[in-house]
Amino acid sequence: MPSKILLEAIALHKSVTACYNRGTVRLAPHILYTRHGELHVDATTLERDGQPPRETKLGTFKLAGLTDLALDGGSFEPFAEFDPTAQRYQGETLFAIESPAAA
């Protein structure tokens, strides 16, 4: 079950791999939430098709679009700009890492 994998990854700061838009991504998931009744995860992309991203940023991924989701054994540091108390997550959050400022 993908959400179980994401819950574990968020809790333990473990990275995951998945297929997304016909490519392979390695993600650092920060928060699992609902939007318009569908599950989403906000994560930083650590790799896309084996290459690091040009810039580190928090992206939104619709859970239905992530296939072959698996823990990959890597770990990550929370993205400094991530704020789990942001307005966009209010009333929608299922699980999130602590704010880096609070850690």
PDB file of N, CA and C in Angstrom:
ATOM      1  N   MET A   1       0.850  -1.190   0.000  1.00  0.00           N
ATOM      2  CA  MET A   1       0.000   0.000   0.000  1.00  0.00           C
ATOM      3  C   MET A   1       0.889   1.244   0.000  1.00  0.00           C
ATOM      4  N   PRO A   2       0.757   2.100  -1.011  1.00  0.00           N
ATOM      5  CA  PRO A   2       1.639   3.262  -1.140  1.00  0.00           C
ATOM      6  C   PRO A   2       1.625   4.198   0.059  1.00  0.00           C
ATOM      7  N   SER A   3       0.451   4.453   0.639  1.00  0.00           N
ATOM      8  CA  SER A   3       0.424   5.411   1.750  1.00  0.00           C
ATOM      9  C   SER A   3       1.164   4.874   2.968  1.00  0.00           C
ATOM     10  N   LYS A   4       1.164   3.545   3.172  1.00  0.00           N
ATOM     11  CA  LYS A   4       1.922   2.956   4.283  1.00  0.00           C
ATOM     12  C   LYS A   4       3.418   3.180   4.071  1.00  0.00           C
ATOM     13  N   ILE A   5       3.886   2.999   2.865  1.00  0.00           N
ATOM     14  CA  ILE A   5       5.297   3.242   2.544  1.00  0.00           C
ATOM     15  C   ILE A   5       5.637   4.705   2.799  1.00  0.00           C
ATOM     16  N   LEU A   6       4.761   5.603   2.384  1.00  0.00           N
ATOM     17  CA  LEU A   6       5.021   7.022   2.586  1.00  0.00           C
ATOM     18  C   LEU A   6       4.996   7.407   4.064  1.00  0.00           C
ATOM     19  N   LEU A   7       4.090   6.822   4.832  1.00  0.00           N
ATOM     20  CA  LEU A   7       4.055   7.100   6.270  1.00  0.00           C
ATOM     21  C   LEU A   7       5.372   6.695   6.919  1.00  0.00           C
ATOM     22  N   GLU A   8       5.866   5.528   6.565  1.00  0.00           N
ATOM     23  CA  GLU A   8       7.152   5.072   7.111  1.00  0.00           C
ATOM     24  C   GLU A   8       8.289   5.988   6.659  1.00  0.00           C
ATOM     25  N   ALA A   9       8.293   6.355   5.396  1.00  0.00           N
ATOM     26  CA  ALA A   9       9.350   7.221   4.864  1.00  0.00           C
ATOM     27  C   ALA A   9       9.346   8.583   5.551  1.00  0.00           C
ATOM     28  N   ILE A  10       8.169   9.152   5.755  1.00  0.00           N
ATOM     29  CA  ILE A  10       8.064  10.461   6.418  1.00  0.00           C
ATOM     30  C   ILE A  10       8.522  10.346   7.867  1.00  0.00           C
ATOM     31  N   ALA A  11       8.055   9.328   8.565  1.00  0.00           N
ATOM     32  CA  ALA A  11       8.388   9.158   9.982  1.00  0.00           C
ATOM     33  C   ALA A  11       9.883   8.967  10.208  1.00  0.00           C
ATOM     34  N   LEU A  12      10.517   8.219   9.311  1.00  0.00           N
ATOM     35  CA  LEU A  12      11.929   7.873   9.503  1.00  0.00           C
ATOM     36  C   LEU A  12      12.891   8.683   8.633  1.00  0.00           C
ATOM     37  N   HIS A  13      12.359   9.655   7.886  1.00  0.00           N
ATOM     38  CA  HIS A  13      13.157  10.482   6.974  1.00  0.00           C
ATOM     39  C   HIS A  13      13.922   9.601   5.980  1.00  0.00           C
ATOM     40  N   LYS A  14      13.194   8.651   5.391  1.00  0.00           N
ATOM     41  CA  LYS A  14      13.772   7.737   4.404  1.00  0.00           C
ATOM     42  C   LYS A  14      13.279   8.115   3.012  1.00  0.00           C
ATOM     43  N   SER A  15      14.162   8.025   2.042  1.00  0.00           N
ATOM     44  CA  SER A  15      13.779   8.351   0.673  1.00  0.00           C
ATOM     45  C   SER A  15      13.062   7.162   0.023  1.00  0.00           C
ATOM     46  N   VAL A  16      12.317   7.469  -1.014  1.00  0.00           N
ATOM     47  CA  VAL A  16      11.560   6.462  -1.757  1.00  0.00           C
ATOM     48  C   VAL A  16      11.864   6.594  -3.245  1.00  0.00           C
ATOM     49  N   THR A  17      11.646   5.518  -3.965  1.00  0.00           N
ATOM     50  CA  THR A  17      11.720   5.555  -5.418  1.00  0.00           C
ATOM     51  C   THR A  17      10.334   5.260  -5.967  1.00  0.00           C
ATOM     52  N   ALA A  18      10.084   5.768  -7.159  1.00  0.00           N
ATOM     53  CA  ALA A  18       8.791   5.543  -7.809  1.00  0.00           C
ATOM     54  C   ALA A  18       8.906   5.866  -9.290  1.00  0.00           C
ATOM     55  N   CYS A  19       7.936   5.406 -10.044  1.00  0.00           N
ATOM     56  CA  CYS A  19       7.787   5.826 -11.435  1.00  0.00           C
ATOM     57  C   CYS A  19       6.792   6.981 -11.430  1.00  0.00           C
ATOM     58  N   TYR A  20       7.131   8.050 -12.119  1.00  0.00           N
ATOM     59  CA  TYR A  20       6.271   9.227 -12.199  1.00  0.00           C
ATOM     60  C   TYR A  20       6.461   9.851 -13.575  1.00  0.00           C
ATOM     61  N   ASN A  21       5.373  10.058 -14.280  1.00  0.00           N
ATOM     62  CA  ASN A  21       5.429  10.602 -15.645  1.00  0.00           C
ATOM     63  C   ASN A  21       6.414   9.820 -16.521  1.00  0.00           C
ATOM     64  N   ARG A  22       6.327   8.514 -16.464  1.00  0.00           N
ATOM     65  CA  ARG A  22       7.138   7.591 -17.266  1.00  0.00           C
ATOM     66  C   ARG A  22       8.634   7.664 -16.974  1.00  0.00           C
ATOM     67  N   GLY A  23       9.007   8.282 -15.858  1.00  0.00           N
ATOM     68  CA  GLY A  23      10.410   8.328 -15.459  1.00  0.00           C
ATOM     69  C   GLY A  23      10.564   7.798 -14.044  1.00  0.00           C
ATOM     70  N   THR A  24      11.795   7.574 -13.642  1.00  0.00           N
ATOM     71  CA  THR A  24      12.074   7.106 -12.290  1.00  0.00           C
ATOM     72  C   THR A  24      12.494   8.294 -11.439  1.00  0.00           C
ATOM     73  N   VAL A  25      11.882   8.416 -10.260  1.00  0.00           N
ATOM     74  CA  VAL A  25      12.228   9.495  -9.341  1.00  0.00           C
ATOM     75  C   VAL A  25      12.625   8.917  -7.992  1.00  0.00           C
ATOM     76  N   ARG A  26      13.506   9.631  -7.326  1.00  0.00           N
ATOM     77  CA  ARG A  26      13.853   9.333  -5.937  1.00  0.00           C
ATOM     78  C   ARG A  26      13.446  10.567  -5.153  1.00  0.00           C
ATOM     79  N   LEU A  27      12.562  10.375  -4.176  1.00  0.00           N
ATOM     80  CA  LEU A  27      11.940  11.483  -3.464  1.00  0.00           C
ATOM     81  C   LEU A  27      12.220  11.453  -1.970  1.00  0.00           C
ATOM     82  N   ALA A  28      12.197  12.640  -1.377  1.00  0.00           N
ATOM     83  CA  ALA A  28      12.263  12.795   0.076  1.00  0.00           C
ATOM     84  C   ALA A  28      10.894  13.323   0.507  1.00  0.00           C
ATOM     85  N   PRO A  29       9.975  12.434   0.881  1.00  0.00           N
ATOM     86  CA  PRO A  29       8.607  12.860   1.212  1.00  0.00           C
ATOM     87  C   PRO A  29       8.543  13.599   2.548  1.00  0.00           C
ATOM     88  N   HIS A  30       7.816  14.722   2.561  1.00  0.00           N
ATOM     89  CA  HIS A  30       7.709  15.551   3.757  1.00  0.00           C
ATOM     90  C   HIS A  30       6.318  15.547   4.374  1.00  0.00           C
ATOM     91  N   ILE A  31       5.274  15.419   3.534  1.00  0.00           N
ATOM     92  CA  ILE A  31       3.910  15.497   4.063  1.00  0.00           C
ATOM     93  C   ILE A  31       2.952  14.733   3.153  1.00  0.00           C
ATOM     94  N   LEU A  32       2.038  14.018   3.769  1.00  0.00           N
ATOM     95  CA  LEU A  32       0.982  13.302   3.065  1.00  0.00           C
ATOM     96  C   LEU A  32      -0.324  13.993   3.429  1.00  0.00           C
ATOM     97  N   TYR A  33      -1.110  14.378   2.435  1.00  0.00           N
ATOM     98  CA  TYR A  33      -2.339  15.124   2.695  1.00  0.00           C
ATOM     99  C   TYR A  33      -3.358  14.881   1.590  1.00  0.00           C
ATOM    100  N   THR A  34      -4.563  15.356   1.823  1.00  0.00           N
ATOM    101  CA  THR A  34      -5.617  15.249   0.815  1.00  0.00           C
ATOM    102  C   THR A  34      -5.869  16.621   0.197  1.00  0.00           C
ATOM    103  N   ARG A  35      -6.232  16.585  -1.067  1.00  0.00           N
ATOM    104  CA  ARG A  35      -6.655  17.800  -1.770  1.00  0.00           C
ATOM    105  C   ARG A  35      -7.738  17.355  -2.738  1.00  0.00           C
ATOM    106  N   HIS A  36      -8.894  17.971  -2.643  1.00  0.00           N
ATOM    107  CA  HIS A  36     -10.040  17.611  -3.487  1.00  0.00           C
ATOM    108  C   HIS A  36     -10.353  16.115  -3.374  1.00  0.00           C
ATOM    109  N   GLY A  37     -10.185  15.564  -2.166  1.00  0.00           N
ATOM    110  CA  GLY A  37     -10.516  14.172  -1.910  1.00  0.00           C
ATOM    111  C   GLY A  37      -9.489  13.160  -2.402  1.00  0.00           C
ATOM    112  N   GLU A  38      -8.349  13.628  -2.909  1.00  0.00           N
ATOM    113  CA  GLU A  38      -7.315  12.713  -3.408  1.00  0.00           C
ATOM    114  C   GLU A  38      -6.033  12.890  -2.609  1.00  0.00           C
ATOM    115  N   LEU A  39      -5.280  11.789  -2.461  1.00  0.00           N
ATOM    116  CA  LEU A  39      -4.032  11.834  -1.708  1.00  0.00           C
ATOM    117  C   LEU A  39      -2.916  12.472  -2.519  1.00  0.00           C
ATOM    118  N   HIS A  40      -2.146  13.313  -1.840  1.00  0.00           N
ATOM    119  CA  HIS A  40      -0.976  13.961  -2.426  1.00  0.00           C
ATOM    120  C   HIS A  40       0.179  13.867  -1.445  1.00  0.00           C
ATOM    121  N   VAL A  41       1.382  13.956  -1.969  1.00  0.00           N
ATOM    122  CA  VAL A  41       2.567  14.029  -1.131  1.00  0.00           C
ATOM    123  C   VAL A  41       3.415  15.190  -1.643  1.00  0.00           C
ATOM    124  N   ASP A  42       3.907  15.998  -0.729  1.00  0.00           N
ATOM    125  CA  ASP A  42       4.871  17.026  -1.083  1.00  0.00           C
ATOM    126  C   ASP A  42       6.238  16.491  -0.704  1.00  0.00           C
ATOM    127  N   ALA A  43       7.164  16.563  -1.653  1.00  0.00           N
ATOM    128  CA  ALA A  43       8.483  15.978  -1.470  1.00  0.00           C
ATOM    129  C   ALA A  43       9.515  16.764  -2.254  1.00  0.00           C
ATOM    130  N   THR A  44      10.762  16.656  -1.836  1.00  0.00           N
ATOM    131  CA  THR A  44      11.841  17.180  -2.665  1.00  0.00           C
ATOM    132  C   THR A  44      12.299  16.038  -3.561  1.00  0.00           C
ATOM    133  N   THR A  45      12.658  16.370  -4.788  1.00  0.00           N
ATOM    134  CA  THR A  45      13.172  15.375  -5.721  1.00  0.00           C
ATOM    135  C   THR A  45      14.679  15.276  -5.521  1.00  0.00           C
ATOM    136  N   LEU A  46      15.136  14.092  -5.182  1.00  0.00           N
ATOM    137  CA  LEU A  46      16.569  13.857  -4.992  1.00  0.00           C
ATOM    138  C   LEU A  46      17.227  13.458  -6.310  1.00  0.00           C
ATOM    139  N   GLU A  47      16.492  12.707  -7.126  1.00  0.00           N
ATOM    140  CA  GLU A  47      16.972  12.299  -8.452  1.00  0.00           C
ATOM    141  C   GLU A  47      15.779  12.113  -9.382  1.00  0.00           C
ATOM    142  N   ARG A  48      16.008  12.404 -10.646  1.00  0.00           N
ATOM    143  CA  ARG A  48      15.022  12.115 -11.692  1.00  0.00           C
ATOM    144  C   ARG A  48      15.782  11.421 -12.813  1.00  0.00           C
ATOM    145  N   ASP A  49      15.412  10.179 -13.078  1.00  0.00           N
ATOM    146  CA  ASP A  49      16.113   9.356 -14.074  1.00  0.00           C
ATOM    147  C   ASP A  49      17.618   9.328 -13.812  1.00  0.00           C
ATOM    148  N   GLY A  50      17.985   9.187 -12.529  1.00  0.00           N
ATOM    149  CA  GLY A  50      19.387   9.050 -12.147  1.00  0.00           C
ATOM    150  C   GLY A  50      20.178  10.334 -12.030  1.00  0.00           C
ATOM    151  N   GLN A  51      19.555  11.467 -12.319  1.00  0.00           N
ATOM    152  CA  GLN A  51      20.248  12.755 -12.281  1.00  0.00           C
ATOM    153  C   GLN A  51      19.689  13.637 -11.169  1.00  0.00           C
ATOM    154  N   PRO A  52      20.555  14.394 -10.473  1.00  0.00           N
ATOM    155  CA  PRO A  52      20.044  15.310  -9.452  1.00  0.00           C
ATOM    156  C   PRO A  52      19.295  16.471 -10.115  1.00  0.00           C
ATOM    157  N   PRO A  53      18.353  17.063  -9.405  1.00  0.00           N
ATOM    158  CA  PRO A  53      17.614  18.204  -9.978  1.00  0.00           C
ATOM    159  C   PRO A  53      18.513  19.444 -10.065  1.00  0.00           C
ATOM    160  N   ARG A  54      18.135  20.376 -10.922  1.00  0.00           N
ATOM    161  CA  ARG A  54      18.887  21.636 -11.041  1.00  0.00           C
ATOM    162  C   ARG A  54      18.798  22.449  -9.769  1.00  0.00           C
ATOM    163  N   GLU A  55      17.636  22.397  -9.113  1.00  0.00           N
ATOM    164  CA  GLU A  55      17.454  23.115  -7.855  1.00  0.00           C
ATOM    165  C   GLU A  55      16.623  22.267  -6.909  1.00  0.00           C
ATOM    166  N   THR A  56      16.862  22.452  -5.618  1.00  0.00           N
ATOM    167  CA  THR A  56      16.085  21.736  -4.616  1.00  0.00           C
ATOM    168  C   THR A  56      14.852  22.548  -4.292  1.00  0.00           C
ATOM    169  N   LYS A  57      13.689  21.922  -4.444  1.00  0.00           N
ATOM    170  CA  LYS A  57      12.431  22.589  -4.112  1.00  0.00           C
ATOM    171  C   LYS A  57      11.416  21.528  -3.731  1.00  0.00           C
ATOM    172  N   LEU A  58      10.391  21.977  -3.055  1.00  0.00           N
ATOM    173  CA  LEU A  58       9.313  21.088  -2.648  1.00  0.00           C
ATOM    174  C   LEU A  58       8.313  21.000  -3.791  1.00  0.00           C
ATOM    175  N   GLY A  59       8.020  19.783  -4.230  1.00  0.00           N
ATOM    176  CA  GLY A  59       7.061  19.578  -5.299  1.00  0.00           C
ATOM    177  C   GLY A  59       5.870  18.778  -4.801  1.00  0.00           C
ATOM    178  N   THR A  60       4.763  18.889  -5.501  1.00  0.00           N
ATOM    179  CA  THR A  60       3.544  18.159  -5.160  1.00  0.00           C
ATOM    180  C   THR A  60       3.368  17.017  -6.137  1.00  0.00           C
ATOM    181  N   PHE A  61       3.124  15.818  -5.597  1.00  0.00           N
ATOM    182  CA  PHE A  61       2.926  14.625  -6.398  1.00  0.00           C
ATOM    183  C   PHE A  61       1.594  13.998  -6.011  1.00  0.00           C
ATOM    184  N   LYS A  62       0.752  13.761  -7.002  1.00  0.00           N
ATOM    185  CA  LYS A  62      -0.517  13.073  -6.769  1.00  0.00           C
ATOM    186  C   LYS A  62      -0.188  11.597  -6.563  1.00  0.00           C
ATOM    187  N   LEU A  63      -0.650  11.032  -5.467  1.00  0.00           N
ATOM    188  CA  LEU A  63      -0.305   9.658  -5.136  1.00  0.00           C
ATOM    189  C   LEU A  63      -0.717   8.686  -6.238  1.00  0.00           C
ATOM    190  N   ALA A  64      -1.838   8.952  -6.897  1.00  0.00           N
ATOM    191  CA  ALA A  64      -2.304   8.078  -7.975  1.00  0.00           C
ATOM    192  C   ALA A  64      -1.305   8.029  -9.134  1.00  0.00           C
ATOM    193  N   GLY A  65      -0.464   9.059  -9.260  1.00  0.00           N
ATOM    194  CA  GLY A  65       0.514   9.106 -10.345  1.00  0.00           C
ATOM    195  C   GLY A  65       1.843   8.456 -10.014  1.00  0.00           C
ATOM    196  N   LEU A  66       2.036   8.082  -8.751  1.00  0.00           N
ATOM    197  CA  LEU A  66       3.273   7.421  -8.336  1.00  0.00           C
ATOM    198  C   LEU A  66       3.050   5.908  -8.357  1.00  0.00           C
ATOM    199  N   THR A  67       3.781   5.208  -9.199  1.00  0.00           N
ATOM    200  CA  THR A  67       3.670   3.756  -9.261  1.00  0.00           C
ATOM    201  C   THR A  67       4.989   3.119  -8.835  1.00  0.00           C
ATOM    202  N   ASP A  68       4.936   1.848  -8.506  1.00  0.00           N
ATOM    203  CA  ASP A  68       6.121   1.100  -8.066  1.00  0.00           C
ATOM    204  C   ASP A  68       6.834   1.813  -6.906  1.00  0.00           C
ATOM    205  N   LEU A  69       6.067   2.353  -6.000  1.00  0.00           N
ATOM    206  CA  LEU A  69       6.612   3.085  -4.857  1.00  0.00           C
ATOM    207  C   LEU A  69       7.306   2.125  -3.894  1.00  0.00           C
ATOM    208  N   ALA A  70       8.534   2.473  -3.479  1.00  0.00           N
ATOM    209  CA  ALA A  70       9.291   1.611  -2.570  1.00  0.00           C
ATOM    210  C   ALA A  70      10.286   2.434  -1.766  1.00  0.00           C
ATOM    211  N   LEU A  71      10.534   2.013  -0.529  1.00  0.00           N
ATOM    212  CA  LEU A  71      11.615   2.604   0.255  1.00  0.00           C
ATOM    213  C   LEU A  71      12.923   2.226  -0.429  1.00  0.00           C
ATOM    214  N   ASP A  72      13.875   3.146  -0.488  1.00  0.00           N
ATOM    215  CA  ASP A  72      15.131   2.801  -1.162  1.00  0.00           C
ATOM    216  C   ASP A  72      16.322   2.701  -0.217  1.00  0.00           C
ATOM    217  N   GLY A  73      16.108   2.885   1.080  1.00  0.00           N
ATOM    218  CA  GLY A  73      17.183   2.714   2.044  1.00  0.00           C
ATOM    219  C   GLY A  73      17.978   3.973   2.332  1.00  0.00           C
ATOM    220  N   GLY A  74      17.796   5.009   1.525  1.00  0.00           N
ATOM    221  CA  GLY A  74      18.497   6.266   1.757  1.00  0.00           C
ATOM    222  C   GLY A  74      17.771   7.105   2.790  1.00  0.00           C
ATOM    223  N   SER A  75      18.458   8.105   3.306  1.00  0.00           N
ATOM    224  CA  SER A  75      17.829   9.029   4.248  1.00  0.00           C
ATOM    225  C   SER A  75      17.990  10.446   3.730  1.00  0.00           C
ATOM    226  N   PHE A  76      17.279  11.384   4.356  1.00  0.00           N
ATOM    227  CA  PHE A  76      17.350  12.776   3.912  1.00  0.00           C
ATOM    228  C   PHE A  76      17.201  13.712   5.093  1.00  0.00           C
ATOM    229  N   GLU A  77      17.672  14.925   4.902  1.00  0.00           N
ATOM    230  CA  GLU A  77      17.465  16.009   5.858  1.00  0.00           C
ATOM    231  C   GLU A  77      16.236  16.783   5.392  1.00  0.00           C
ATOM    232  N   PRO A  78      15.368  17.184   6.302  1.00  0.00           N
ATOM    233  CA  PRO A  78      14.186  17.958   5.897  1.00  0.00           C
ATOM    234  C   PRO A  78      14.567  19.243   5.156  1.00  0.00           C
ATOM    235  N   PHE A  79      13.757  19.583   4.184  1.00  0.00           N
ATOM    236  CA  PHE A  79      13.934  20.804   3.402  1.00  0.00           C
ATOM    237  C   PHE A  79      13.697  21.992   4.320  1.00  0.00           C
ATOM    238  N   ALA A  80      14.645  22.895   4.404  1.00  0.00           N
ATOM    239  CA  ALA A  80      14.600  24.006   5.355  1.00  0.00           C
ATOM    240  C   ALA A  80      13.360  24.896   5.194  1.00  0.00           C
ATOM    241  N   GLU A  81      12.850  25.011   3.980  1.00  0.00           N
ATOM    242  CA  GLU A  81      11.711  25.902   3.740  1.00  0.00           C
ATOM    243  C   GLU A  81      10.354  25.227   3.943  1.00  0.00           C
ATOM    244  N   PHE A  82      10.351  23.949   4.294  1.00  0.00           N
ATOM    245  CA  PHE A  82       9.095  23.230   4.502  1.00  0.00           C
ATOM    246  C   PHE A  82       8.418  23.705   5.780  1.00  0.00           C
ATOM    247  N   ASP A  83       7.128  24.006   5.685  1.00  0.00           N
ATOM    248  CA  ASP A  83       6.349  24.449   6.837  1.00  0.00           C
ATOM    249  C   ASP A  83       5.052  23.640   6.914  1.00  0.00           C
ATOM    250  N   PRO A  84       5.019  22.633   7.812  1.00  0.00           N
ATOM    251  CA  PRO A  84       3.813  21.799   7.892  1.00  0.00           C
ATOM    252  C   PRO A  84       2.586  22.543   8.406  1.00  0.00           C
ATOM    253  N   THR A  85       2.779  23.748   8.934  1.00  0.00           N
ATOM    254  CA  THR A  85       1.640  24.532   9.423  1.00  0.00           C
ATOM    255  C   THR A  85       1.117  25.510   8.371  1.00  0.00           C
ATOM    256  N   ALA A  86       1.642  25.448   7.159  1.00  0.00           N
ATOM    257  CA  ALA A  86       1.205  26.355   6.090  1.00  0.00           C
ATOM    258  C   ALA A  86      -0.300  26.225   5.855  1.00  0.00           C
ATOM    259  N   GLN A  87      -0.899  27.303   5.444  1.00  0.00           N
ATOM    260  CA  GLN A  87      -2.342  27.360   5.215  1.00  0.00           C
ATOM    261  C   GLN A  87      -2.822  26.260   4.274  1.00  0.00           C
ATOM    262  N   ARG A  88      -2.065  25.958   3.249  1.00  0.00           N
ATOM    263  CA  ARG A  88      -2.491  24.957   2.249  1.00  0.00           C
ATOM    264  C   ARG A  88      -2.700  23.569   2.832  1.00  0.00           C
ATOM    265  N   TYR A  89      -2.094  23.274   3.984  1.00  0.00           N
ATOM    266  CA  TYR A  89      -2.222  21.959   4.603  1.00  0.00           C
ATOM    267  C   TYR A  89      -3.281  21.909   5.706  1.00  0.00           C
ATOM    268  N   GLN A  90      -3.831  23.039   6.096  1.00  0.00           N
ATOM    269  CA  GLN A  90      -4.768  23.092   7.215  1.00  0.00           C
ATOM    270  C   GLN A  90      -5.995  22.227   6.950  1.00  0.00           C
ATOM    271  N   GLY A  91      -6.259  21.309   7.872  1.00  0.00           N
ATOM    272  CA  GLY A  91      -7.425  20.443   7.758  1.00  0.00           C
ATOM    273  C   GLY A  91      -7.276  19.327   6.749  1.00  0.00           C
ATOM    274  N   GLU A  92      -6.118  19.229   6.105  1.00  0.00           N
ATOM    275  CA  GLU A  92      -5.911  18.243   5.052  1.00  0.00           C
ATOM    276  C   GLU A  92      -4.792  17.256   5.380  1.00  0.00           C
ATOM    277  N   THR A  93      -3.934  17.585   6.345  1.00  0.00           N
ATOM    278  CA  THR A  93      -2.739  16.797   6.632  1.00  0.00           C
ATOM    279  C   THR A  93      -3.082  15.453   7.267  1.00  0.00           C
ATOM    280  N   LEU A  94      -2.485  14.403   6.738  1.00  0.00           N
ATOM    281  CA  LEU A  94      -2.595  13.075   7.315  1.00  0.00           C
ATOM    282  C   LEU A  94      -1.362  12.769   8.167  1.00  0.00           C
ATOM    283  N   PHE A  95      -0.176  13.160   7.666  1.00  0.00           N
ATOM    284  CA  PHE A  95       1.060  12.914   8.396  1.00  0.00           C
ATOM    285  C   PHE A  95       2.158  13.776   7.795  1.00  0.00           C
ATOM    286  N   ALA A  96       3.019  14.328   8.661  1.00  0.00           N
ATOM    287  CA  ALA A  96       4.098  15.198   8.172  1.00  0.00           C
ATOM    288  C   ALA A  96       5.309  15.090   9.078  1.00  0.00           C
ATOM    289  N   ILE A  97       6.478  15.416   8.501  1.00  0.00           N
ATOM    290  CA  ILE A  97       7.665  15.535   9.329  1.00  0.00           C
ATOM    291  C   ILE A  97       7.532  16.825  10.135  1.00  0.00           C
ATOM    292  N   GLU A  98       8.295  16.926  11.192  1.00  0.00           N
ATOM    293  CA  GLU A  98       8.276  18.163  11.966  1.00  0.00           C
ATOM    294  C   GLU A  98       8.922  19.263  11.153  1.00  0.00           C
ATOM    295  N   SER A  99       8.530  20.484  11.436  1.00  0.00           N
ATOM    296  CA  SER A  99       9.153  21.624  10.773  1.00  0.00           C
ATOM    297  C   SER A  99      10.636  21.616  11.109  1.00  0.00           C
ATOM    298  N   PRO A 100      11.511  21.816  10.119  1.00  0.00           N
ATOM    299  CA  PRO A 100      12.950  21.842  10.388  1.00  0.00           C
ATOM    300  C   PRO A 100      13.313  22.858  11.467  1.00  0.00           C
ATOM    301  N   ALA A 101      12.585  23.950  11.552  1.00  0.00           N
ATOM    302  CA  ALA A 101      12.843  24.967  12.563  1.00  0.00           C
ATOM    303  C   ALA A 101      12.515  24.441  13.965  1.00  0.00           C
ATOM    304  N   ALA A 102      11.540  23.521  14.058  1.00  0.00           N
ATOM    305  CA  ALA A 102      11.122  22.982  15.348  1.00  0.00           C
ATOM    306  C   ALA A 102      11.978  21.792  15.786  1.00  0.00           C
ATOM    307  N   ALA A 103      12.694  21.209  14.847  1.00  0.00           N
ATOM    308  CA  ALA A 103      13.494  20.007  15.147  1.00  0.00           C
ATOM    309  C   ALA A 103      14.751  20.338  15.917  1.00  0.00           C
TER     310      ALA A 103
END
